[in-house]
Amino acid sequence: MKTDTGDKILAYIRQKGQTTPKELIGFIGFSAPAVFRQLKKLQEDGLIQKSGTSPFVFYHLPMSAKDWSTQGAIKWAYEQKAPELKQDYYCETRDVFQARQDKLPKELIRITNNEQISFLLSAVVGEIGNNSFDHNLGNWPDVPGIFFKIDVAEKIIILADRGQGIFMSLQKIKPEIKNYLEALEIAFTEIISGRTPEHRGNGLKFVKRVIEENNLKLKFYSGDAKCLIEKGETKFLKTGKPINGALAVIEF
């Protein structure tokens, strides 16, 4: 049974997408034990779920099948120490990623029966995956390479890395950038490159255009910010828990 506090917690989680206990305690203004009691009740009622392990715990709404299929990438990208990945999903080097990406159009054509969308999606995957290698070359903070998975049943493609993130990449050539939210918006809307002295910087703008024009959906996370593109509209939002590098979820 929900209380007024439970309703406030649910409304906050709906707004944020996910949140940490510390953020909730600050928002609600009650003691930690009182907030945790409400969280436990909401979990028991099936209204929210908890993910992660202490101290990296966050609460979110119950996940759909699509959400569950992204959990491997989310866990790999979010946790302080990277869990071991299945070899099928791990591309340690660019050549491994390229070999898998080269097979993607044929696989997508079987799923979508649409050659144009299949090649566009493959190009989007190439841009996102190659960005991970380009912007972290020689500077991987811990585990090199990317997570790359296509879920045929759910029609989603997931890519993730544990790299420097968009903010650190762009700040090297645009020091005035203040935070991840600003960096993410610049990455998707301005012609700028994190690979100095290059100035092409069209990759994520191309991704944005393809997703918008073909009624696809993209959730792209870096740091404590995300870019959400769906139904031809693009939004830039703050998130509750920062991600180590970048995570992209494409729905088609």
C-alpha atoms as a PDB file:
ATOM      1  CA  MET A   1       0.000   0.000   0.000  1.00  0.00           C
ATOM      2  CA  LYS A   2       1.446   3.354  -1.049  1.00  0.00           C
ATOM      3  CA  THR A   3       1.713   6.350   1.288  1.00  0.00           C
ATOM      4  CA  ASP A   4       2.154   9.989   0.299  1.00  0.00           C
ATOM      5  CA  THR A   5       5.895   9.405   0.669  1.00  0.00           C
ATOM      6  CA  GLY A   6       5.638   6.339  -1.558  1.00  0.00           C
ATOM      7  CA  ASP A   7       3.810   8.409  -4.183  1.00  0.00           C
ATOM      8  CA  LYS A   8       6.552  11.044  -4.040  1.00  0.00           C
ATOM      9  CA  ILE A   9       9.243   8.406  -4.459  1.00  0.00           C
ATOM     10  CA  LEU A  10       7.426   6.868  -7.451  1.00  0.00           C
ATOM     11  CA  ALA A  11       6.930  10.275  -9.083  1.00  0.00           C
ATOM     12  CA  TYR A  12      10.626  11.093  -8.604  1.00  0.00           C
ATOM     13  CA  ILE A  13      11.753   7.776 -10.108  1.00  0.00           C
ATOM     14  CA  ARG A  14       9.386   8.231 -13.081  1.00  0.00           C
ATOM     15  CA  GLN A  15      10.854  11.677 -13.689  1.00  0.00           C
ATOM     16  CA  LYS A  16      14.494  10.620 -13.343  1.00  0.00           C
ATOM     17  CA  GLY A  17      14.291   7.137 -14.865  1.00  0.00           C
ATOM     18  CA  GLN A  18      16.472   5.807 -12.049  1.00  0.00           C
ATOM     19  CA  THR A  19      17.862   7.158  -8.799  1.00  0.00           C
ATOM     20  CA  THR A  20      20.235   6.359  -5.955  1.00  0.00           C
ATOM     21  CA  PRO A  21      19.201   6.117  -2.278  1.00  0.00           C
ATOM     22  CA  LYS A  22      21.266   9.231  -1.503  1.00  0.00           C
ATOM     23  CA  GLU A  23      19.373  11.276  -4.106  1.00  0.00           C
ATOM     24  CA  LEU A  24      16.021  10.053  -2.810  1.00  0.00           C
ATOM     25  CA  ILE A  25      16.884  10.892   0.790  1.00  0.00           C
ATOM     26  CA  GLY A  26      17.894  14.395  -0.274  1.00  0.00           C
ATOM     27  CA  PHE A  27      14.698  14.835  -2.303  1.00  0.00           C
ATOM     28  CA  ILE A  28      12.246  13.436   0.280  1.00  0.00           C
ATOM     29  CA  GLY A  29      13.950  15.073   3.247  1.00  0.00           C
ATOM     30  CA  PHE A  30      13.272  12.169   5.619  1.00  0.00           C
ATOM     31  CA  SER A  31      15.779  10.036   7.505  1.00  0.00           C
ATOM     32  CA  ALA A  32      17.522   7.198   5.667  1.00  0.00           C
ATOM     33  CA  PRO A  33      15.674   4.444   7.609  1.00  0.00           C
ATOM     34  CA  ALA A  34      12.285   5.987   6.758  1.00  0.00           C
ATOM     35  CA  VAL A  35      13.115   6.217   3.053  1.00  0.00           C
ATOM     36  CA  PHE A  36      14.467   2.654   2.956  1.00  0.00           C
ATOM     37  CA  ARG A  37      11.257   1.388   4.607  1.00  0.00           C
ATOM     38  CA  GLN A  38       9.231   2.992   1.815  1.00  0.00           C
ATOM     39  CA  LEU A  39      11.576   1.588  -0.833  1.00  0.00           C
ATOM     40  CA  LYS A  40      11.184  -1.904   0.614  1.00  0.00           C
ATOM     41  CA  LYS A  41       7.366  -1.606   0.555  1.00  0.00           C
ATOM     42  CA  LEU A  42       7.374  -0.361  -3.050  1.00  0.00           C
ATOM     43  CA  GLN A  43       9.620  -3.287  -4.035  1.00  0.00           C
ATOM     44  CA  GLU A  44       7.360  -5.786  -2.273  1.00  0.00           C
ATOM     45  CA  ASP A  45       4.353  -4.334  -4.133  1.00  0.00           C
ATOM     46  CA  GLY A  46       6.220  -4.759  -7.437  1.00  0.00           C
ATOM     47  CA  LEU A  47       6.136  -1.026  -8.163  1.00  0.00           C
ATOM     48  CA  ILE A  48       9.913  -0.508  -8.296  1.00  0.00           C
ATOM     49  CA  GLN A  49      13.051  -2.610  -8.670  1.00  0.00           C
ATOM     50  CA  LYS A  50      16.595  -2.357  -7.311  1.00  0.00           C
ATOM     51  CA  SER A  51      19.721  -2.947  -9.404  1.00  0.00           C
ATOM     52  CA  GLY A  52      23.430  -3.057  -8.647  1.00  0.00           C
ATOM     53  CA  THR A  53      25.335  -3.873  -5.471  1.00  0.00           C
ATOM     54  CA  SER A  54      26.375  -1.561  -2.644  1.00  0.00           C
ATOM     55  CA  PRO A  55      27.660   1.121  -2.903  1.00  0.00           C
ATOM     56  CA  PHE A  56      26.482   1.237  -6.540  1.00  0.00           C
ATOM     57  CA  VAL A  57      22.743   0.690  -6.042  1.00  0.00           C
ATOM     58  CA  PHE A  58      19.927   2.425  -7.908  1.00  0.00           C
ATOM     59  CA  TYR A  59      16.143   2.112  -8.014  1.00  0.00           C
ATOM     60  CA  HIS A  60      13.982   2.164 -11.144  1.00  0.00           C
ATOM     61  CA  LEU A  61      10.540   1.174 -12.416  1.00  0.00           C
ATOM     62  CA  PRO A  62       9.917  -2.498 -13.275  1.00  0.00           C
ATOM     63  CA  MET A  63      11.722  -3.384 -16.484  1.00  0.00           C
ATOM     64  CA  SER A  64      10.185  -4.636 -19.708  1.00  0.00           C
ATOM     65  CA  ALA A  65      11.718  -7.470 -21.736  1.00  0.00           C
ATOM     66  CA  LYS A  66      13.652  -4.857 -23.727  1.00  0.00           C
ATOM     67  CA  ASP A  67      15.071  -3.398 -20.516  1.00  0.00           C
ATOM     68  CA  TRP A  68      16.106  -6.805 -19.215  1.00  0.00           C
ATOM     69  CA  SER A  69      18.010  -7.540 -22.400  1.00  0.00           C
ATOM     70  CA  THR A  70      20.224  -4.475 -21.778  1.00  0.00           C
ATOM     71  CA  GLN A  71      21.226  -5.466 -18.251  1.00  0.00           C
ATOM     72  CA  GLY A  72      24.534  -7.081 -19.242  1.00  0.00           C
ATOM     73  CA  ALA A  73      25.690  -3.860 -20.904  1.00  0.00           C
ATOM     74  CA  ILE A  74      24.378  -1.671 -18.102  1.00  0.00           C
ATOM     75  CA  LYS A  75      26.137  -3.723 -15.445  1.00  0.00           C
ATOM     76  CA  TRP A  76      29.371  -3.774 -17.456  1.00  0.00           C
ATOM     77  CA  ALA A  77      29.285  -0.021 -18.032  1.00  0.00           C
ATOM     78  CA  TYR A  78      28.126   1.097 -14.573  1.00  0.00           C
ATOM     79  CA  GLU A  79      29.962  -1.052 -12.055  1.00  0.00           C
ATOM     80  CA  GLN A  80      33.244   0.126 -10.593  1.00  0.00           C
ATOM     81  CA  LYS A  81      34.928  -3.143 -11.528  1.00  0.00           C
ATOM     82  CA  ALA A  82      33.952  -4.526 -14.938  1.00  0.00           C
ATOM     83  CA  PRO A  83      32.263  -7.945 -14.750  1.00  0.00           C
ATOM     84  CA  GLU A  84      33.506 -10.589 -17.168  1.00  0.00           C
ATOM     85  CA  LEU A  85      31.682 -10.566 -20.507  1.00  0.00           C
ATOM     86  CA  LYS A  86      30.670 -13.401 -22.789  1.00  0.00           C
ATOM     87  CA  GLN A  87      33.117 -13.466 -25.669  1.00  0.00           C
ATOM     88  CA  ASP A  88      30.176 -13.174 -28.105  1.00  0.00           C
ATOM     89  CA  TYR A  89      29.480  -9.661 -26.797  1.00  0.00           C
ATOM     90  CA  TYR A  90      33.015  -8.365 -26.218  1.00  0.00           C
ATOM     91  CA  CYS A  91      35.058  -6.626 -28.909  1.00  0.00           C
ATOM     92  CA  GLU A  92      38.434  -5.985 -27.305  1.00  0.00           C
ATOM     93  CA  THR A  93      39.931  -4.452 -30.459  1.00  0.00           C
ATOM     94  CA  ARG A  94      38.634  -2.520 -33.434  1.00  0.00           C
ATOM     95  CA  ASP A  95      39.239  -5.359 -35.894  1.00  0.00           C
ATOM     96  CA  VAL A  96      36.995  -7.701 -33.874  1.00  0.00           C
ATOM     97  CA  PHE A  97      34.269  -5.042 -33.808  1.00  0.00           C
ATOM     98  CA  GLN A  98      34.672  -4.360 -37.530  1.00  0.00           C
ATOM     99  CA  ALA A  99      34.349  -8.048 -38.415  1.00  0.00           C
ATOM    100  CA  ARG A 100      31.102  -8.306 -36.444  1.00  0.00           C
ATOM    101  CA  GLN A 101      29.750  -5.036 -37.759  1.00  0.00           C
ATOM    102  CA  ASP A 102      30.418  -6.145 -41.360  1.00  0.00           C
ATOM    103  CA  LYS A 103      27.967  -9.027 -40.844  1.00  0.00           C
ATOM    104  CA  LEU A 104      25.290  -6.762 -39.395  1.00  0.00           C
ATOM    105  CA  PRO A 105      23.500  -5.576 -42.598  1.00  0.00           C
ATOM    106  CA  LYS A 106      22.734  -9.123 -43.722  1.00  0.00           C
ATOM    107  CA  GLU A 107      21.458 -10.026 -40.242  1.00  0.00           C
ATOM    108  CA  LEU A 108      19.305  -6.893 -40.051  1.00  0.00           C
ATOM    109  CA  ILE A 109      17.793  -7.469 -43.494  1.00  0.00           C
ATOM    110  CA  ARG A 110      16.529 -10.849 -42.281  1.00  0.00           C
ATOM    111  CA  ILE A 111      14.895  -9.153 -39.295  1.00  0.00           C
ATOM    112  CA  THR A 112      13.511  -5.961 -40.863  1.00  0.00           C
ATOM    113  CA  ASN A 113      13.040  -7.061 -44.486  1.00  0.00           C
ATOM    114  CA  ASN A 114      14.145  -3.513 -45.299  1.00  0.00           C
ATOM    115  CA  GLU A 115      17.519  -3.125 -46.988  1.00  0.00           C
ATOM    116  CA  GLN A 116      17.735   0.664 -46.629  1.00  0.00           C
ATOM    117  CA  ILE A 117      17.025   0.681 -42.869  1.00  0.00           C
ATOM    118  CA  SER A 118      19.408  -2.241 -42.379  1.00  0.00           C
ATOM    119  CA  PHE A 119      22.332  -0.435 -43.992  1.00  0.00           C
ATOM    120  CA  LEU A 120      21.519   2.815 -42.164  1.00  0.00           C
ATOM    121  CA  LEU A 121      21.382   0.993 -38.825  1.00  0.00           C
ATOM    122  CA  SER A 122      24.672  -0.694 -39.578  1.00  0.00           C
ATOM    123  CA  ALA A 123      26.231   2.690 -40.350  1.00  0.00           C
ATOM    124  CA  VAL A 124      24.900   4.083 -37.051  1.00  0.00           C
ATOM    125  CA  VAL A 125      26.412   1.138 -35.172  1.00  0.00           C
ATOM    126  CA  GLY A 126      29.710   1.743 -36.974  1.00  0.00           C
ATOM    127  CA  GLU A 127      29.771   5.414 -35.962  1.00  0.00           C
ATOM    128  CA  ILE A 128      29.054   4.706 -32.294  1.00  0.00           C
ATOM    129  CA  GLY A 129      31.409   1.732 -32.024  1.00  0.00           C
ATOM    130  CA  ASN A 130      34.278   3.408 -33.853  1.00  0.00           C
ATOM    131  CA  ASN A 131      33.864   6.518 -31.679  1.00  0.00           C
ATOM    132  CA  SER A 132      34.626   4.359 -28.653  1.00  0.00           C
ATOM    133  CA  PHE A 133      37.908   3.202 -30.175  1.00  0.00           C
ATOM    134  CA  ASP A 134      38.824   6.595 -31.697  1.00  0.00           C
ATOM    135  CA  HIS A 135      38.331   8.631 -28.517  1.00  0.00           C
ATOM    136  CA  ASN A 136      39.943   6.165 -26.121  1.00  0.00           C
ATOM    137  CA  LEU A 137      42.928   5.062 -28.174  1.00  0.00           C
ATOM    138  CA  GLY A 138      45.775   4.552 -25.717  1.00  0.00           C
ATOM    139  CA  ASN A 139      43.705   6.062 -22.884  1.00  0.00           C
ATOM    140  CA  TRP A 140      41.318   3.328 -21.723  1.00  0.00           C
ATOM    141  CA  PRO A 141      40.809   3.926 -17.956  1.00  0.00           C
ATOM    142  CA  ASP A 142      40.545   0.197 -17.234  1.00  0.00           C
ATOM    143  CA  VAL A 143      39.057  -2.370 -19.661  1.00  0.00           C
ATOM    144  CA  PRO A 144      39.626  -1.645 -23.381  1.00  0.00           C
ATOM    145  CA  GLY A 145      37.113  -2.371 -26.118  1.00  0.00           C
ATOM    146  CA  ILE A 146      33.332  -2.396 -26.297  1.00  0.00           C
ATOM    147  CA  PHE A 147      30.241  -4.408 -25.481  1.00  0.00           C
ATOM    148  CA  PHE A 148      28.298  -5.085 -28.724  1.00  0.00           C
ATOM    149  CA  LYS A 149      25.100  -7.100 -28.827  1.00  0.00           C
ATOM    150  CA  ILE A 150      22.095  -7.391 -31.137  1.00  0.00           C
ATOM    151  CA  ASP A 151      18.930  -8.832 -29.595  1.00  0.00           C
ATOM    152  CA  VAL A 152      16.966 -10.269 -32.505  1.00  0.00           C
ATOM    153  CA  ALA A 153      13.810 -11.047 -30.503  1.00  0.00           C
ATOM    154  CA  GLU A 154      13.534  -7.583 -28.977  1.00  0.00           C
ATOM    155  CA  LYS A 155      14.900  -5.699 -32.009  1.00  0.00           C
ATOM    156  CA  ILE A 156      17.513  -3.748 -30.110  1.00  0.00           C
ATOM    157  CA  ILE A 157      21.225  -3.124 -30.584  1.00  0.00           C
ATOM    158  CA  ILE A 158      23.390  -2.308 -27.571  1.00  0.00           C
ATOM    159  CA  LEU A 159      26.893  -0.828 -27.491  1.00  0.00           C
ATOM    160  CA  ALA A 160      28.858   0.209 -24.404  1.00  0.00           C
ATOM    161  CA  ASP A 161      32.387   1.150 -23.419  1.00  0.00           C
ATOM    162  CA  ARG A 162      34.232   1.879 -20.186  1.00  0.00           C
ATOM    163  CA  GLY A 163      36.190   4.744 -21.716  1.00  0.00           C
ATOM    164  CA  GLN A 164      36.734   8.391 -20.824  1.00  0.00           C
ATOM    165  CA  GLY A 165      33.211   9.504 -21.737  1.00  0.00           C
ATOM    166  CA  ILE A 166      31.975  12.334 -23.949  1.00  0.00           C
ATOM    167  CA  PHE A 167      32.811  15.116 -21.480  1.00  0.00           C
ATOM    168  CA  MET A 168      36.523  14.312 -21.135  1.00  0.00           C
ATOM    169  CA  SER A 169      36.840  13.690 -24.883  1.00  0.00           C
ATOM    170  CA  LEU A 170      35.374  17.042 -25.913  1.00  0.00           C
ATOM    171  CA  GLN A 171      36.877  19.077 -23.080  1.00  0.00           C
ATOM    172  CA  LYS A 172      40.318  18.508 -24.599  1.00  0.00           C
ATOM    173  CA  ILE A 173      39.418  20.730 -27.549  1.00  0.00           C
ATOM    174  CA  LYS A 174      36.644  22.792 -25.922  1.00  0.00           C
ATOM    175  CA  PRO A 175      37.783  23.465 -22.316  1.00  0.00           C
ATOM    176  CA  GLU A 176      34.797  25.730 -21.609  1.00  0.00           C
ATOM    177  CA  ILE A 177      32.414  22.753 -21.546  1.00  0.00           C
ATOM    178  CA  LYS A 178      31.165  22.540 -17.953  1.00  0.00           C
ATOM    179  CA  ASN A 179      29.498  19.140 -17.580  1.00  0.00           C
ATOM    180  CA  TYR A 180      28.310  15.929 -19.254  1.00  0.00           C
ATOM    181  CA  LEU A 181      24.891  17.313 -20.160  1.00  0.00           C
ATOM    182  CA  GLU A 182      26.417  20.198 -22.083  1.00  0.00           C
ATOM    183  CA  ALA A 183      29.015  17.909 -23.665  1.00  0.00           C
ATOM    184  CA  LEU A 184      26.370  15.428 -24.832  1.00  0.00           C
ATOM    185  CA  GLU A 185      24.231  18.152 -26.404  1.00  0.00           C
ATOM    186  CA  ILE A 186      27.272  19.564 -28.217  1.00  0.00           C
ATOM    187  CA  ALA A 187      28.292  16.083 -29.415  1.00  0.00           C
ATOM    188  CA  PHE A 188      24.883  15.487 -31.005  1.00  0.00           C
ATOM    189  CA  THR A 189      24.261  18.981 -32.402  1.00  0.00           C
ATOM    190  CA  GLU A 190      27.564  20.745 -33.217  1.00  0.00           C
ATOM    191  CA  ILE A 191      30.330  19.989 -35.692  1.00  0.00           C
ATOM    192  CA  ILE A 192      33.191  19.215 -33.344  1.00  0.00           C
ATOM    193  CA  SER A 193      35.674  16.376 -32.986  1.00  0.00           C
ATOM    194  CA  GLY A 194      37.320  14.998 -29.877  1.00  0.00           C
ATOM    195  CA  ARG A 195      40.209  13.758 -32.009  1.00  0.00           C
ATOM    196  CA  THR A 196      42.454  16.788 -32.290  1.00  0.00           C
ATOM    197  CA  PRO A 197      43.545  18.137 -34.700  1.00  0.00           C
ATOM    198  CA  GLU A 198      40.614  16.686 -36.690  1.00  0.00           C
ATOM    199  CA  HIS A 199      37.569  18.879 -37.150  1.00  0.00           C
ATOM    200  CA  ARG A 200      35.078  16.625 -38.934  1.00  0.00           C
ATOM    201  CA  GLY A 201      32.903  15.753 -35.886  1.00  0.00           C
ATOM    202  CA  ASN A 202      29.890  14.588 -37.894  1.00  0.00           C
ATOM    203  CA  GLY A 203      29.478  11.099 -36.408  1.00  0.00           C
ATOM    204  CA  LEU A 204      26.843  11.644 -33.720  1.00  0.00           C
ATOM    205  CA  LYS A 205      25.065  14.246 -35.843  1.00  0.00           C
ATOM    206  CA  PHE A 206      24.685  11.545 -38.503  1.00  0.00           C
ATOM    207  CA  VAL A 207      23.407   9.125 -35.842  1.00  0.00           C
ATOM    208  CA  LYS A 208      20.855  11.677 -34.632  1.00  0.00           C
ATOM    209  CA  ARG A 209      19.612  12.362 -38.172  1.00  0.00           C
ATOM    210  CA  VAL A 210      19.187   8.682 -39.058  1.00  0.00           C
ATOM    211  CA  ILE A 211      17.331   7.916 -35.818  1.00  0.00           C
ATOM    212  CA  GLU A 212      15.025  10.943 -36.152  1.00  0.00           C
ATOM    213  CA  GLU A 213      14.252  10.531 -39.858  1.00  0.00           C
ATOM    214  CA  ASN A 214      13.483   6.809 -39.675  1.00  0.00           C
ATOM    215  CA  ASN A 215      11.313   6.758 -36.545  1.00  0.00           C
ATOM    216  CA  LEU A 216      13.848   4.723 -34.583  1.00  0.00           C
ATOM    217  CA  LYS A 217      14.708   5.117 -30.889  1.00  0.00           C
ATOM    218  CA  LEU A 218      18.050   5.823 -29.253  1.00  0.00           C
ATOM    219  CA  LYS A 219      19.058   6.120 -25.603  1.00  0.00           C
ATOM    220  CA  PHE A 220      22.656   7.289 -25.314  1.00  0.00           C
ATOM    221  CA  TYR A 221      24.245   7.675 -21.867  1.00  0.00           C
ATOM    222  CA  SER A 222      27.557   9.212 -20.846  1.00  0.00           C
ATOM    223  CA  GLY A 223      28.490  10.387 -17.370  1.00  0.00           C
ATOM    224  CA  ASP A 224      25.366  11.653 -15.600  1.00  0.00           C
ATOM    225  CA  ALA A 225      23.545  12.650 -18.804  1.00  0.00           C
ATOM    226  CA  LYS A 226      21.575  10.981 -21.575  1.00  0.00           C
ATOM    227  CA  CYS A 227      20.322  11.783 -25.052  1.00  0.00           C
ATOM    228  CA  LEU A 228      16.875  10.356 -25.794  1.00  0.00           C
ATOM    229  CA  ILE A 229      15.649  10.300 -29.400  1.00  0.00           C
ATOM    230  CA  GLU A 230      12.191   8.901 -30.144  1.00  0.00           C
ATOM    231  CA  LYS A 231       9.274   9.791 -32.423  1.00  0.00           C
ATOM    232  CA  GLY A 232      11.511  12.257 -34.254  1.00  0.00           C
ATOM    233  CA  GLU A 233      12.212  14.291 -31.098  1.00  0.00           C
ATOM    234  CA  THR A 234      15.525  14.695 -29.265  1.00  0.00           C
ATOM    235  CA  LYS A 235      15.884  15.431 -25.536  1.00  0.00           C
ATOM    236  CA  PHE A 236      18.942  15.878 -23.330  1.00  0.00           C
ATOM    237  CA  LEU A 237      18.424  14.917 -19.697  1.00  0.00           C
ATOM    238  CA  LYS A 238      20.310  14.471 -16.427  1.00  0.00           C
ATOM    239  CA  THR A 239      20.446  10.966 -14.950  1.00  0.00           C
ATOM    240  CA  GLY A 240      20.705   9.822 -11.364  1.00  0.00           C
ATOM    241  CA  LYS A 241      23.782   7.597 -11.603  1.00  0.00           C
ATOM    242  CA  PRO A 242      26.876   8.356 -13.704  1.00  0.00           C
ATOM    243  CA  ILE A 243      28.125   5.845 -16.245  1.00  0.00           C
ATOM    244  CA  ASN A 244      31.850   5.185 -16.690  1.00  0.00           C
ATOM    245  CA  GLY A 245      32.104   5.674 -20.456  1.00  0.00           C
ATOM    246  CA  ALA A 246      29.185   5.500 -22.895  1.00  0.00           C
ATOM    247  CA  LEU A 247      26.150   3.283 -23.405  1.00  0.00           C
ATOM    248  CA  ALA A 248      23.886   3.286 -26.488  1.00  0.00           C
ATOM    249  CA  VAL A 249      20.614   1.378 -26.862  1.00  0.00           C
ATOM    250  CA  ILE A 250      19.045   1.454 -30.347  1.00  0.00           C
ATOM    251  CA  GLU A 251      15.486   0.175 -30.865  1.00  0.00           C
ATOM    252  CA  PHE A 252      14.324  -0.531 -34.418  1.00  0.00           C
END
